[in-house]
Amino acid sequence: MPVVTEPKPPPVRELLPSLWAWFGRLLVRTLTPVVEEAIVAAMRRGAGPLIALSPEEYEAYRETLEVLADEGAMEDLRVSAEDERAGRLYDYDEVRAELGLGEAHPHAAG
């Protein structure tokens, strides 16, 4: 009589990508109605719209607000914009030559 063996389950590391994908879909299906309900509830209370952002978008807005609040950084940006409008721009090779670092761009085709 032949021996029948059970197939070995795949290692967990092979299952993780599909598990994460499944978990992501579950979160979207579960949280979307909750977020939409929270937006509606916030608007009903007159608090204005509720905005949902990804962590990356939130961090980008935070960094932008920090720069806008920094008077020194804003002055540097104004001066830079003025330099650009006036044509006071230098390319990479010009700066290297001015500093005595050579003229070749490290990424230039040679």
N, C-alpha and C. Protein backbone atom coordinates (compact mmCIF):
# COMPACT_ATOMS: atom_id res chain seq x y z
N MET A 1 0.84 -1.16 0.00
CA MET A 1 0.00 0.00 0.00
C MET A 1 0.90 1.25 0.00
N PRO A 2 0.60 2.23 -0.90
CA PRO A 2 1.46 3.43 -0.97
C PRO A 2 1.25 4.33 0.26
N VAL A 3 2.32 5.01 0.61
CA VAL A 3 2.28 5.92 1.76
C VAL A 3 1.89 7.31 1.25
N VAL A 4 0.88 7.89 1.83
CA VAL A 4 0.43 9.23 1.45
C VAL A 4 0.91 10.21 2.52
N THR A 5 1.63 11.22 2.10
CA THR A 5 2.12 12.22 3.06
C THR A 5 1.41 13.54 2.81
N GLU A 6 1.23 14.24 3.86
CA GLU A 6 0.62 15.58 3.77
C GLU A 6 1.66 16.54 3.17
N PRO A 7 1.21 17.44 2.29
CA PRO A 7 2.18 18.42 1.78
C PRO A 7 2.59 19.37 2.89
N LYS A 8 3.86 19.81 2.84
CA LYS A 8 4.36 20.76 3.84
C LYS A 8 3.78 22.14 3.57
N PRO A 9 3.37 22.85 4.60
CA PRO A 9 2.91 24.22 4.37
C PRO A 9 4.11 25.09 4.00
N PRO A 10 3.88 26.15 3.23
CA PRO A 10 5.01 27.02 2.87
C PRO A 10 5.52 27.76 4.10
N PRO A 11 6.79 28.17 4.07
CA PRO A 11 7.32 28.95 5.20
C PRO A 11 6.54 30.26 5.36
N VAL A 12 6.48 30.73 6.57
CA VAL A 12 5.72 31.94 6.88
C VAL A 12 6.20 33.12 6.04
N ARG A 13 7.51 33.24 5.83
CA ARG A 13 8.03 34.39 5.08
C ARG A 13 7.47 34.45 3.66
N GLU A 14 7.10 33.28 3.11
CA GLU A 14 6.50 33.27 1.78
C GLU A 14 5.04 33.73 1.82
N LEU A 15 4.41 33.59 2.95
CA LEU A 15 3.00 33.97 3.09
C LEU A 15 2.82 35.44 3.44
N LEU A 16 3.85 36.06 4.03
CA LEU A 16 3.71 37.43 4.53
C LEU A 16 3.23 38.43 3.48
N PRO A 17 3.79 38.48 2.27
CA PRO A 17 3.29 39.48 1.31
C PRO A 17 1.79 39.36 1.05
N SER A 18 1.29 38.13 0.87
CA SER A 18 -0.14 38.00 0.60
C SER A 18 -0.97 38.29 1.85
N LEU A 19 -0.43 37.98 3.04
CA LEU A 19 -1.14 38.31 4.27
C LEU A 19 -1.24 39.82 4.46
N TRP A 20 -0.12 40.53 4.19
CA TRP A 20 -0.15 41.99 4.31
C TRP A 20 -1.12 42.60 3.31
N ALA A 21 -1.14 42.09 2.09
CA ALA A 21 -2.07 42.60 1.08
C ALA A 21 -3.51 42.38 1.54
N TRP A 22 -3.80 41.18 2.05
CA TRP A 22 -5.14 40.88 2.56
C TRP A 22 -5.49 41.82 3.71
N PHE A 23 -4.55 42.02 4.63
CA PHE A 23 -4.78 42.88 5.78
C PHE A 23 -5.03 44.32 5.34
N GLY A 24 -4.27 44.79 4.34
CA GLY A 24 -4.47 46.14 3.81
C GLY A 24 -5.86 46.31 3.22
N ARG A 25 -6.30 45.33 2.44
CA ARG A 25 -7.65 45.39 1.86
C ARG A 25 -8.71 45.39 2.95
N LEU A 26 -8.50 44.57 3.99
CA LEU A 26 -9.43 44.52 5.11
C LEU A 26 -9.51 45.88 5.81
N LEU A 27 -8.34 46.50 6.05
CA LEU A 27 -8.33 47.81 6.69
C LEU A 27 -9.09 48.85 5.87
N VAL A 28 -8.83 48.86 4.56
CA VAL A 28 -9.51 49.83 3.70
C VAL A 28 -11.02 49.62 3.76
N ARG A 29 -11.45 48.36 3.65
CA ARG A 29 -12.89 48.07 3.69
C ARG A 29 -13.49 48.44 5.04
N THR A 30 -12.73 48.22 6.10
CA THR A 30 -13.24 48.47 7.45
C THR A 30 -13.21 49.95 7.81
N LEU A 31 -12.10 50.62 7.47
CA LEU A 31 -11.93 52.01 7.92
C LEU A 31 -12.60 53.04 7.02
N THR A 32 -12.76 52.74 5.75
CA THR A 32 -13.36 53.74 4.85
C THR A 32 -14.72 54.21 5.35
N PRO A 33 -15.64 53.31 5.71
CA PRO A 33 -16.93 53.79 6.22
C PRO A 33 -16.78 54.58 7.52
N VAL A 34 -15.84 54.18 8.37
CA VAL A 34 -15.63 54.89 9.64
C VAL A 34 -15.14 56.31 9.37
N VAL A 35 -14.15 56.43 8.47
CA VAL A 35 -13.61 57.76 8.14
C VAL A 35 -14.69 58.62 7.49
N GLU A 36 -15.45 58.04 6.56
CA GLU A 36 -16.52 58.80 5.91
C GLU A 36 -17.55 59.26 6.93
N GLU A 37 -17.90 58.40 7.89
CA GLU A 37 -18.85 58.76 8.93
C GLU A 37 -18.29 59.87 9.81
N ALA A 38 -17.00 59.82 10.13
CA ALA A 38 -16.38 60.86 10.95
C ALA A 38 -16.40 62.20 10.23
N ILE A 39 -16.18 62.17 8.91
CA ILE A 39 -16.21 63.41 8.13
C ILE A 39 -17.60 64.01 8.17
N VAL A 40 -18.61 63.18 7.95
CA VAL A 40 -20.00 63.65 7.98
C VAL A 40 -20.33 64.20 9.36
N ALA A 41 -19.95 63.48 10.43
CA ALA A 41 -20.24 63.92 11.78
C ALA A 41 -19.56 65.26 12.09
N ALA A 42 -18.33 65.43 11.67
CA ALA A 42 -17.62 66.68 11.91
C ALA A 42 -18.29 67.83 11.17
N MET A 43 -18.75 67.58 9.95
CA MET A 43 -19.40 68.62 9.17
C MET A 43 -20.75 68.98 9.78
N ARG A 44 -21.46 68.01 10.34
CA ARG A 44 -22.77 68.28 10.95
C ARG A 44 -22.62 69.16 12.18
N ARG A 45 -21.53 68.98 12.90
CA ARG A 45 -21.32 69.77 14.12
C ARG A 45 -20.78 71.16 13.82
N GLY A 46 -20.59 71.46 12.55
CA GLY A 46 -20.11 72.78 12.17
C GLY A 46 -18.63 72.97 12.39
N ALA A 47 -17.91 71.88 12.61
CA ALA A 47 -16.47 71.99 12.86
C ALA A 47 -15.69 72.10 11.56
N GLY A 48 -16.36 72.06 10.45
CA GLY A 48 -15.66 72.08 9.18
C GLY A 48 -15.32 70.67 8.76
N PRO A 49 -14.80 70.54 7.56
CA PRO A 49 -14.50 69.20 7.07
C PRO A 49 -13.33 68.57 7.80
N LEU A 50 -13.39 67.29 7.95
CA LEU A 50 -12.31 66.51 8.52
C LEU A 50 -11.49 66.00 7.35
N ILE A 51 -10.17 66.12 7.43
CA ILE A 51 -9.31 65.73 6.33
C ILE A 51 -8.44 64.57 6.77
N ALA A 52 -8.45 63.51 6.00
CA ALA A 52 -7.59 62.36 6.28
C ALA A 52 -6.37 62.43 5.37
N LEU A 53 -5.18 62.35 5.97
CA LEU A 53 -3.93 62.40 5.22
C LEU A 53 -3.09 61.17 5.51
N SER A 54 -2.29 60.81 4.54
CA SER A 54 -1.32 59.75 4.80
C SER A 54 -0.24 60.33 5.71
N PRO A 55 0.49 59.48 6.42
CA PRO A 55 1.58 60.00 7.26
C PRO A 55 2.59 60.82 6.47
N GLU A 56 2.87 60.43 5.24
CA GLU A 56 3.84 61.16 4.42
C GLU A 56 3.32 62.56 4.08
N GLU A 57 2.03 62.64 3.71
CA GLU A 57 1.45 63.95 3.39
C GLU A 57 1.43 64.84 4.64
N TYR A 58 1.06 64.28 5.77
CA TYR A 58 1.01 65.03 7.02
C TYR A 58 2.40 65.58 7.35
N GLU A 59 3.42 64.75 7.22
CA GLU A 59 4.79 65.19 7.53
C GLU A 59 5.22 66.29 6.57
N ALA A 60 4.86 66.18 5.29
CA ALA A 60 5.21 67.22 4.32
C ALA A 60 4.54 68.55 4.68
N TYR A 61 3.28 68.52 5.08
CA TYR A 61 2.60 69.75 5.49
C TYR A 61 3.25 70.33 6.75
N ARG A 62 3.59 69.48 7.69
CA ARG A 62 4.23 69.95 8.93
C ARG A 62 5.56 70.63 8.63
N GLU A 63 6.37 70.01 7.76
CA GLU A 63 7.65 70.59 7.40
C GLU A 63 7.47 71.93 6.68
N THR A 64 6.47 72.00 5.81
CA THR A 64 6.19 73.26 5.11
C THR A 64 5.81 74.35 6.10
N LEU A 65 4.96 74.02 7.07
CA LEU A 65 4.57 75.01 8.07
C LEU A 65 5.77 75.46 8.91
N GLU A 66 6.68 74.55 9.21
CA GLU A 66 7.88 74.91 9.96
C GLU A 66 8.74 75.91 9.17
N VAL A 67 8.89 75.67 7.87
CA VAL A 67 9.67 76.58 7.03
C VAL A 67 8.97 77.94 6.95
N LEU A 68 7.65 77.93 6.76
CA LEU A 68 6.91 79.19 6.67
C LEU A 68 7.00 80.00 7.96
N ALA A 69 7.13 79.31 9.10
CA ALA A 69 7.21 79.99 10.39
C ALA A 69 8.63 80.48 10.70
N ASP A 70 9.62 80.02 9.95
CA ASP A 70 11.02 80.37 10.18
C ASP A 70 11.37 81.60 9.33
N GLU A 71 11.49 82.78 9.98
CA GLU A 71 11.74 84.01 9.23
C GLU A 71 13.06 83.97 8.46
N GLY A 72 14.08 83.36 9.05
CA GLY A 72 15.38 83.25 8.37
C GLY A 72 15.29 82.40 7.12
N ALA A 73 14.59 81.27 7.21
CA ALA A 73 14.43 80.40 6.05
C ALA A 73 13.62 81.10 4.97
N MET A 74 12.59 81.83 5.35
CA MET A 74 11.78 82.54 4.37
C MET A 74 12.60 83.63 3.67
N GLU A 75 13.44 84.33 4.41
CA GLU A 75 14.30 85.34 3.81
C GLU A 75 15.27 84.69 2.82
N ASP A 76 15.85 83.54 3.20
CA ASP A 76 16.74 82.82 2.30
C ASP A 76 16.01 82.42 1.02
N LEU A 77 14.75 81.98 1.14
CA LEU A 77 13.97 81.62 -0.04
C LEU A 77 13.69 82.84 -0.92
N ARG A 78 13.38 83.99 -0.29
CA ARG A 78 13.15 85.22 -1.07
C ARG A 78 14.40 85.61 -1.84
N VAL A 79 15.56 85.55 -1.17
CA VAL A 79 16.82 85.90 -1.83
C VAL A 79 17.11 84.93 -2.97
N SER A 80 16.87 83.64 -2.74
CA SER A 80 17.09 82.64 -3.78
C SER A 80 16.20 82.89 -4.99
N ALA A 81 14.93 83.21 -4.74
CA ALA A 81 14.01 83.50 -5.84
C ALA A 81 14.46 84.74 -6.61
N GLU A 82 14.93 85.75 -5.88
CA GLU A 82 15.43 86.97 -6.51
C GLU A 82 16.67 86.66 -7.36
N ASP A 83 17.58 85.84 -6.83
CA ASP A 83 18.77 85.44 -7.58
C ASP A 83 18.39 84.71 -8.86
N GLU A 84 17.40 83.85 -8.77
CA GLU A 84 16.97 83.11 -9.95
C GLU A 84 16.38 84.05 -11.00
N ARG A 85 15.52 84.98 -10.57
CA ARG A 85 14.93 85.94 -11.52
C ARG A 85 16.00 86.80 -12.18
N ALA A 86 17.06 87.13 -11.42
CA ALA A 86 18.13 87.99 -11.94
C ALA A 86 19.15 87.20 -12.76
N GLY A 87 19.00 85.89 -12.81
CA GLY A 87 19.92 85.07 -13.59
C GLY A 87 21.22 84.76 -12.87
N ARG A 88 21.25 84.95 -11.57
CA ARG A 88 22.46 84.66 -10.79
C ARG A 88 22.46 83.19 -10.37
N LEU A 89 22.65 82.33 -11.38
CA LEU A 89 22.64 80.90 -11.16
C LEU A 89 23.97 80.31 -11.59
N TYR A 90 24.38 79.25 -10.92
CA TYR A 90 25.64 78.58 -11.25
C TYR A 90 25.37 77.09 -11.35
N ASP A 91 25.97 76.46 -12.36
CA ASP A 91 25.78 75.01 -12.45
C ASP A 91 26.85 74.30 -11.63
N TYR A 92 26.69 73.01 -11.52
CA TYR A 92 27.55 72.18 -10.67
C TYR A 92 29.03 72.34 -11.04
N ASP A 93 29.34 72.28 -12.34
CA ASP A 93 30.73 72.37 -12.78
C ASP A 93 31.33 73.73 -12.47
N GLU A 94 30.54 74.82 -12.61
CA GLU A 94 31.05 76.15 -12.29
C GLU A 94 31.41 76.27 -10.82
N VAL A 95 30.57 75.73 -9.94
CA VAL A 95 30.83 75.78 -8.51
C VAL A 95 32.07 74.98 -8.17
N ARG A 96 32.20 73.78 -8.74
CA ARG A 96 33.39 72.96 -8.48
C ARG A 96 34.65 73.69 -8.93
N ALA A 97 34.62 74.31 -10.11
CA ALA A 97 35.78 75.03 -10.61
C ALA A 97 36.12 76.21 -9.71
N GLU A 98 35.10 76.96 -9.28
CA GLU A 98 35.30 78.11 -8.39
C GLU A 98 35.95 77.69 -7.07
N LEU A 99 35.57 76.51 -6.57
CA LEU A 99 36.12 76.02 -5.31
C LEU A 99 37.43 75.27 -5.50
N GLY A 100 37.88 75.16 -6.74
CA GLY A 100 39.13 74.46 -7.02
C GLY A 100 39.02 72.95 -6.86
N LEU A 101 37.82 72.42 -7.09
CA LEU A 101 37.60 70.99 -6.93
C LEU A 101 37.64 70.24 -8.26
N GLY A 102 38.03 70.92 -9.31
CA GLY A 102 38.05 70.27 -10.62
C GLY A 102 36.81 70.61 -11.41
N GLU A 103 36.85 70.28 -12.69
CA GLU A 103 35.75 70.67 -13.55
C GLU A 103 34.84 69.52 -13.95
N ALA A 104 35.27 68.29 -13.76
CA ALA A 104 34.47 67.16 -14.23
C ALA A 104 33.30 66.86 -13.32
N HIS A 105 32.17 66.73 -13.91
CA HIS A 105 30.95 66.32 -13.17
C HIS A 105 31.06 64.82 -12.95
N PRO A 106 30.86 64.33 -11.72
CA PRO A 106 31.04 62.90 -11.45
C PRO A 106 30.07 62.00 -12.21
N HIS A 107 28.95 62.54 -12.67
CA HIS A 107 27.96 61.74 -13.38
C HIS A 107 28.00 61.98 -14.87
N ALA A 108 28.93 62.81 -15.33
CA ALA A 108 28.99 63.12 -16.75
C ALA A 108 29.49 61.92 -17.53
N ALA A 109 28.90 61.74 -18.69
CA ALA A 109 29.37 60.64 -19.55
C ALA A 109 30.75 60.98 -20.06
N GLY A 110 31.64 60.06 -20.01
CA GLY A 110 33.01 60.38 -20.37
C GLY A 110 33.54 59.38 -21.24
